[in-house]
């Protein structure tokens, strides 16, 4: 036992003061731990809440333009499809209809080209990890029927059109 009646000091404090300060610090231990736990849980809740909000968002329509007689993707097209794939993977109940289009005229060639463009999107989404259950492949009617280059270019496309949830 330490004799505090003589006024012994250690580090500028009396011995009994050091003991009191030490007790105060010890008493804070559980509170600091609980406070840290509370902050951690709050941060975790915020992270989950952000993911929940992102998962409730509807993926937006994506349209890819192709050159005449082609169904190949460019690097820019792949970036657009990567964004769509990320959205679909975060929203497993969301699905899209992949609609391919080609120049107007009901020829077997144009129908095949339109379907091939939609299948190109399907292949890319599959490669990016989107389950086949989240998309369907179709051929769409031509976007326009005017006999102009501008119209034909709109027809040389494929779109990923969001379907209502829980299809």
C-alpha atoms as a PDB file:
ATOM      1  CA  UNK A   1       0.000   0.000   0.000  1.00  0.00           C
ATOM      2  CA  UNK A   2       1.287   3.470  -0.850  1.00  0.00           C
ATOM      3  CA  UNK A   3       1.433   6.134   1.838  1.00  0.00           C
ATOM      4  CA  UNK A   4      -0.225   9.238   0.384  1.00  0.00           C
ATOM      5  CA  UNK A   5      -0.042  11.262   3.571  1.00  0.00           C
ATOM      6  CA  UNK A   6       3.585  12.209   2.925  1.00  0.00           C
ATOM      7  CA  UNK A   7       2.640  13.934  -0.355  1.00  0.00           C
ATOM      8  CA  UNK A   8       4.799  11.695  -2.529  1.00  0.00           C
ATOM      9  CA  UNK A   9       4.577  12.800  -6.113  1.00  0.00           C
ATOM     10  CA  UNK A  10       5.216  10.989  -9.308  1.00  0.00           C
ATOM     11  CA  UNK A  11       5.284  12.921 -12.561  1.00  0.00           C
ATOM     12  CA  UNK A  12       3.919  16.073 -10.936  1.00  0.00           C
ATOM     13  CA  UNK A  13       0.872  14.321  -9.419  1.00  0.00           C
ATOM     14  CA  UNK A  14       0.279  12.927  -5.998  1.00  0.00           C
ATOM     15  CA  UNK A  15       0.146   9.143  -5.908  1.00  0.00           C
ATOM     16  CA  UNK A  16      -3.568   9.086  -5.093  1.00  0.00           C
ATOM     17  CA  UNK A  17      -4.273  11.424  -8.032  1.00  0.00           C
ATOM     18  CA  UNK A  18      -2.447   9.104 -10.388  1.00  0.00           C
ATOM     19  CA  UNK A  19      -4.545   6.264  -9.081  1.00  0.00           C
ATOM     20  CA  UNK A  20      -7.764   8.275  -9.655  1.00  0.00           C
ATOM     21  CA  UNK A  21      -6.729   9.234 -13.209  1.00  0.00           C
ATOM     22  CA  UNK A  22      -5.866   5.631 -13.910  1.00  0.00           C
ATOM     23  CA  UNK A  23      -9.309   4.521 -12.745  1.00  0.00           C
ATOM     24  CA  UNK A  24     -10.989   7.118 -14.943  1.00  0.00           C
ATOM     25  CA  UNK A  25      -9.157   5.859 -18.019  1.00  0.00           C
ATOM     26  CA  UNK A  26      -9.996   2.274 -17.176  1.00  0.00           C
ATOM     27  CA  UNK A  27     -13.657   3.210 -16.817  1.00  0.00           C
ATOM     28  CA  UNK A  28     -13.739   4.609 -20.380  1.00  0.00           C
ATOM     29  CA  UNK A  29     -12.587   1.316 -21.937  1.00  0.00           C
ATOM     30  CA  UNK A  30     -16.010  -0.263 -22.474  1.00  0.00           C
ATOM     31  CA  UNK A  31     -17.521   3.016 -23.631  1.00  0.00           C
ATOM     32  CA  UNK A  32     -14.838   3.540 -26.226  1.00  0.00           C
ATOM     33  CA  UNK A  33     -15.305  -0.008 -27.460  1.00  0.00           C
ATOM     34  CA  UNK A  34     -19.077   0.374 -27.647  1.00  0.00           C
ATOM     35  CA  UNK A  35     -18.703   3.706 -29.416  1.00  0.00           C
ATOM     36  CA  UNK A  36     -16.380   2.165 -32.001  1.00  0.00           C
ATOM     37  CA  UNK A  37     -18.787  -0.747 -32.465  1.00  0.00           C
ATOM     38  CA  UNK A  38     -21.679   1.665 -32.940  1.00  0.00           C
ATOM     39  CA  UNK A  39     -19.777   3.656 -35.564  1.00  0.00           C
ATOM     40  CA  UNK A  40     -18.846   0.440 -37.368  1.00  0.00           C
ATOM     41  CA  UNK A  41     -22.463  -0.731 -37.426  1.00  0.00           C
ATOM     42  CA  UNK A  42     -23.610   2.669 -38.665  1.00  0.00           C
ATOM     43  CA  UNK A  43     -21.060   2.563 -41.497  1.00  0.00           C
ATOM     44  CA  UNK A  44     -22.121  -0.988 -42.404  1.00  0.00           C
ATOM     45  CA  UNK A  45     -25.794   0.036 -42.438  1.00  0.00           C
ATOM     46  CA  UNK A  46     -24.958   2.964 -44.731  1.00  0.00           C
ATOM     47  CA  UNK A  47     -23.093   0.669 -47.134  1.00  0.00           C
ATOM     48  CA  UNK A  48     -25.995  -1.790 -47.245  1.00  0.00           C
ATOM     49  CA  UNK A  49     -28.481   1.039 -47.699  1.00  0.00           C
ATOM     50  CA  UNK A  50     -26.521   2.385 -50.710  1.00  0.00           C
ATOM     51  CA  UNK A  51     -26.455  -1.102 -52.280  1.00  0.00           C
ATOM     52  CA  UNK A  52     -30.186  -1.461 -51.617  1.00  0.00           C
ATOM     53  CA  UNK A  53     -30.899   1.857 -53.343  1.00  0.00           C
ATOM     54  CA  UNK A  54     -28.679   0.889 -56.289  1.00  0.00           C
ATOM     55  CA  UNK A  55     -30.386  -2.482 -56.529  1.00  0.00           C
ATOM     56  CA  UNK A  56     -33.807  -0.860 -56.712  1.00  0.00           C
ATOM     57  CA  UNK A  57     -32.839   1.278 -59.714  1.00  0.00           C
ATOM     58  CA  UNK A  58     -34.110   0.317 -63.165  1.00  0.00           C
ATOM     59  CA  UNK A  59     -31.475  -0.239 -65.812  1.00  0.00           C
ATOM     60  CA  UNK A  60     -31.710   2.256 -68.654  1.00  0.00           C
ATOM     61  CA  UNK A  61     -32.238   1.467 -72.317  1.00  0.00           C
ATOM     62  CA  UNK A  62     -29.005   1.041 -74.242  1.00  0.00           C
ATOM     63  CA  UNK A  63     -28.817   1.361 -78.033  1.00  0.00           C
ATOM     64  CA  UNK A  64     -25.810   0.329 -80.104  1.00  0.00           C
ATOM     65  CA  UNK A  65     -25.365   1.592 -83.674  1.00  0.00           C
ATOM     66  CA  UNK A  66     -23.785  -0.655 -86.302  1.00  0.00           C
ATOM     67  CA  UNK A  67     -22.301   0.030 -89.700  1.00  0.00           C
ATOM     68  CA  UNK A  68     -23.967  -1.257 -92.861  1.00  0.00           C
ATOM     69  CA  UNK A  69     -24.022  -5.071 -93.105  1.00  0.00           C
ATOM     70  CA  UNK A  70     -22.158  -5.444 -89.776  1.00  0.00           C
ATOM     71  CA  UNK A  71     -22.841  -6.719 -86.292  1.00  0.00           C
ATOM     72  CA  UNK A  72     -19.415  -6.148 -84.692  1.00  0.00           C
ATOM     73  CA  UNK A  73     -18.980  -4.069 -81.529  1.00  0.00           C
ATOM     74  CA  UNK A  74     -16.523  -1.220 -81.011  1.00  0.00           C
ATOM     75  CA  UNK A  75     -14.653  -0.456 -77.791  1.00  0.00           C
ATOM     76  CA  UNK A  76     -17.148   2.318 -76.989  1.00  0.00           C
ATOM     77  CA  UNK A  77     -20.038  -0.135 -77.468  1.00  0.00           C
ATOM     78  CA  UNK A  78     -18.416  -2.533 -75.014  1.00  0.00           C
ATOM     79  CA  UNK A  79     -18.182   0.220 -72.388  1.00  0.00           C
ATOM     80  CA  UNK A  80     -21.933   0.892 -72.747  1.00  0.00           C
ATOM     81  CA  UNK A  81     -22.699  -2.801 -72.456  1.00  0.00           C
ATOM     82  CA  UNK A  82     -20.404  -3.124 -69.419  1.00  0.00           C
ATOM     83  CA  UNK A  83     -22.475  -0.448 -67.644  1.00  0.00           C
ATOM     84  CA  UNK A  84     -25.655  -2.317 -68.567  1.00  0.00           C
ATOM     85  CA  UNK A  85     -24.153  -5.630 -67.383  1.00  0.00           C
ATOM     86  CA  UNK A  86     -23.170  -4.068 -64.036  1.00  0.00           C
ATOM     87  CA  UNK A  87     -26.715  -2.765 -63.584  1.00  0.00           C
ATOM     88  CA  UNK A  88     -28.266  -6.132 -64.450  1.00  0.00           C
ATOM     89  CA  UNK A  89     -25.960  -8.010 -62.089  1.00  0.00           C
ATOM     90  CA  UNK A  90     -26.843  -5.618 -59.241  1.00  0.00           C
ATOM     91  CA  UNK A  91     -30.548  -6.028 -60.064  1.00  0.00           C
ATOM     92  CA  UNK A  92     -31.164  -9.753 -60.560  1.00  0.00           C
ATOM     93  CA  UNK A  93     -34.935  -9.255 -60.947  1.00  0.00           C
ATOM     94  CA  UNK A  94     -34.379  -6.818 -63.842  1.00  0.00           C
ATOM     95  CA  UNK A  95     -34.389  -8.166 -67.390  1.00  0.00           C
ATOM     96  CA  UNK A  96     -33.971  -6.664 -70.848  1.00  0.00           C
ATOM     97  CA  UNK A  97     -35.267  -7.453 -74.305  1.00  0.00           C
ATOM     98  CA  UNK A  98     -32.466  -7.337 -76.879  1.00  0.00           C
ATOM     99  CA  UNK A  99     -33.982  -6.008 -80.109  1.00  0.00           C
ATOM    100  CA  UNK A 100     -31.946  -6.150 -83.296  1.00  0.00           C
ATOM    101  CA  UNK A 101     -32.836  -4.014 -86.313  1.00  0.00           C
ATOM    102  CA  UNK A 102     -31.650  -3.772 -89.912  1.00  0.00           C
ATOM    103  CA  UNK A 103     -32.513  -1.794 -93.022  1.00  0.00           C
ATOM    104  CA  UNK A 104     -36.184  -1.945 -93.892  1.00  0.00           C
ATOM    105  CA  UNK A 105     -37.353  -4.562 -96.308  1.00  0.00           C
ATOM    106  CA  UNK A 106     -38.500  -7.979 -95.298  1.00  0.00           C
ATOM    107  CA  UNK A 107     -35.655  -9.958 -96.752  1.00  0.00           C
ATOM    108  CA  UNK A 108     -34.166 -13.037 -95.143  1.00  0.00           C
ATOM    109  CA  UNK A 109     -30.779 -11.283 -95.110  1.00  0.00           C
ATOM    110  CA  UNK A 110     -32.069  -8.245 -93.186  1.00  0.00           C
ATOM    111  CA  UNK A 111     -33.969 -10.439 -90.711  1.00  0.00           C
ATOM    112  CA  UNK A 112     -30.838 -12.493 -90.076  1.00  0.00           C
ATOM    113  CA  UNK A 113     -28.704  -9.365 -89.710  1.00  0.00           C
ATOM    114  CA  UNK A 114     -31.184  -7.866 -87.211  1.00  0.00           C
ATOM    115  CA  UNK A 115     -31.196 -11.068 -85.146  1.00  0.00           C
ATOM    116  CA  UNK A 116     -27.395 -11.278 -85.372  1.00  0.00           C
ATOM    117  CA  UNK A 117     -27.066  -7.772 -83.929  1.00  0.00           C
ATOM    118  CA  UNK A 118     -29.263  -8.694 -80.960  1.00  0.00           C
ATOM    119  CA  UNK A 119     -27.289 -11.924 -80.479  1.00  0.00           C
ATOM    120  CA  UNK A 120     -24.059  -9.878 -80.468  1.00  0.00           C
ATOM    121  CA  UNK A 121     -25.407  -7.963 -77.466  1.00  0.00           C
ATOM    122  CA  UNK A 122     -26.453 -11.240 -75.811  1.00  0.00           C
ATOM    123  CA  UNK A 123     -22.992 -12.744 -76.340  1.00  0.00           C
ATOM    124  CA  UNK A 124     -21.298  -9.675 -74.824  1.00  0.00           C
ATOM    125  CA  UNK A 125     -23.648  -9.600 -71.804  1.00  0.00           C
ATOM    126  CA  UNK A 126     -23.036 -13.311 -71.249  1.00  0.00           C
ATOM    127  CA  UNK A 127     -19.261 -12.754 -71.419  1.00  0.00           C
ATOM    128  CA  UNK A 128     -19.678 -10.024 -68.780  1.00  0.00           C
ATOM    129  CA  UNK A 129     -21.399 -12.455 -66.409  1.00  0.00           C
ATOM    130  CA  UNK A 130     -25.081 -11.639 -66.955  1.00  0.00           C
ATOM    131  CA  UNK A 131     -27.232 -14.790 -66.682  1.00  0.00           C
ATOM    132  CA  UNK A 132     -29.198 -15.684 -69.826  1.00  0.00           C
ATOM    133  CA  UNK A 133     -32.386 -15.569 -67.713  1.00  0.00           C
ATOM    134  CA  UNK A 134     -32.071 -11.775 -67.615  1.00  0.00           C
ATOM    135  CA  UNK A 135     -32.373 -11.173 -71.365  1.00  0.00           C
ATOM    136  CA  UNK A 136     -34.311 -12.312 -74.400  1.00  0.00           C
ATOM    137  CA  UNK A 137     -33.236 -11.936 -78.036  1.00  0.00           C
ATOM    138  CA  UNK A 138     -35.682 -10.664 -80.646  1.00  0.00           C
ATOM    139  CA  UNK A 139     -35.752  -8.936 -83.999  1.00  0.00           C
ATOM    140  CA  UNK A 140     -37.584  -5.625 -83.982  1.00  0.00           C
ATOM    141  CA  UNK A 141     -39.331  -3.815 -86.765  1.00  0.00           C
ATOM    142  CA  UNK A 142     -37.296  -1.202 -88.572  1.00  0.00           C
ATOM    143  CA  UNK A 143     -37.153   2.105 -86.689  1.00  0.00           C
ATOM    144  CA  UNK A 144     -38.201   3.995 -89.783  1.00  0.00           C
ATOM    145  CA  UNK A 145     -39.131   3.295 -93.398  1.00  0.00           C
ATOM    146  CA  UNK A 146     -38.000   6.445 -95.194  1.00  0.00           C
ATOM    147  CA  UNK A 147     -35.618   5.932 -98.054  1.00  0.00           C
ATOM    148  CA  UNK A 148     -32.773   8.079 -96.624  1.00  0.00           C
ATOM    149  CA  UNK A 149     -29.302   7.423 -95.227  1.00  0.00           C
ATOM    150  CA  UNK A 150     -30.330   8.933 -91.884  1.00  0.00           C
ATOM    151  CA  UNK A 151     -33.258   6.549 -91.586  1.00  0.00           C
ATOM    152  CA  UNK A 152     -31.218   3.532 -92.636  1.00  0.00           C
ATOM    153  CA  UNK A 153     -28.604   4.355 -89.994  1.00  0.00           C
ATOM    154  CA  UNK A 154     -31.258   4.343 -87.233  1.00  0.00           C
ATOM    155  CA  UNK A 155     -32.315   0.900 -88.482  1.00  0.00           C
ATOM    156  CA  UNK A 156     -28.736  -0.422 -88.190  1.00  0.00           C
ATOM    157  CA  UNK A 157     -28.917  -0.850 -84.440  1.00  0.00           C
ATOM    158  CA  UNK A 158     -29.728  -3.084 -81.527  1.00  0.00           C
ATOM    159  CA  UNK A 159     -31.265  -2.013 -78.225  1.00  0.00           C
ATOM    160  CA  UNK A 160     -31.454  -3.452 -74.740  1.00  0.00           C
ATOM    161  CA  UNK A 161     -34.926  -2.445 -73.571  1.00  0.00           C
ATOM    162  CA  UNK A 162     -35.703  -2.897 -69.854  1.00  0.00           C
ATOM    163  CA  UNK A 163     -38.650  -5.189 -69.143  1.00  0.00           C
ATOM    164  CA  UNK A 164     -41.009  -4.689 -66.209  1.00  0.00           C
ATOM    165  CA  UNK A 165     -39.616  -6.210 -63.003  1.00  0.00           C
ATOM    166  CA  UNK A 166     -40.377  -9.799 -62.136  1.00  0.00           C
ATOM    167  CA  UNK A 167     -41.291 -10.830 -65.642  1.00  0.00           C
END
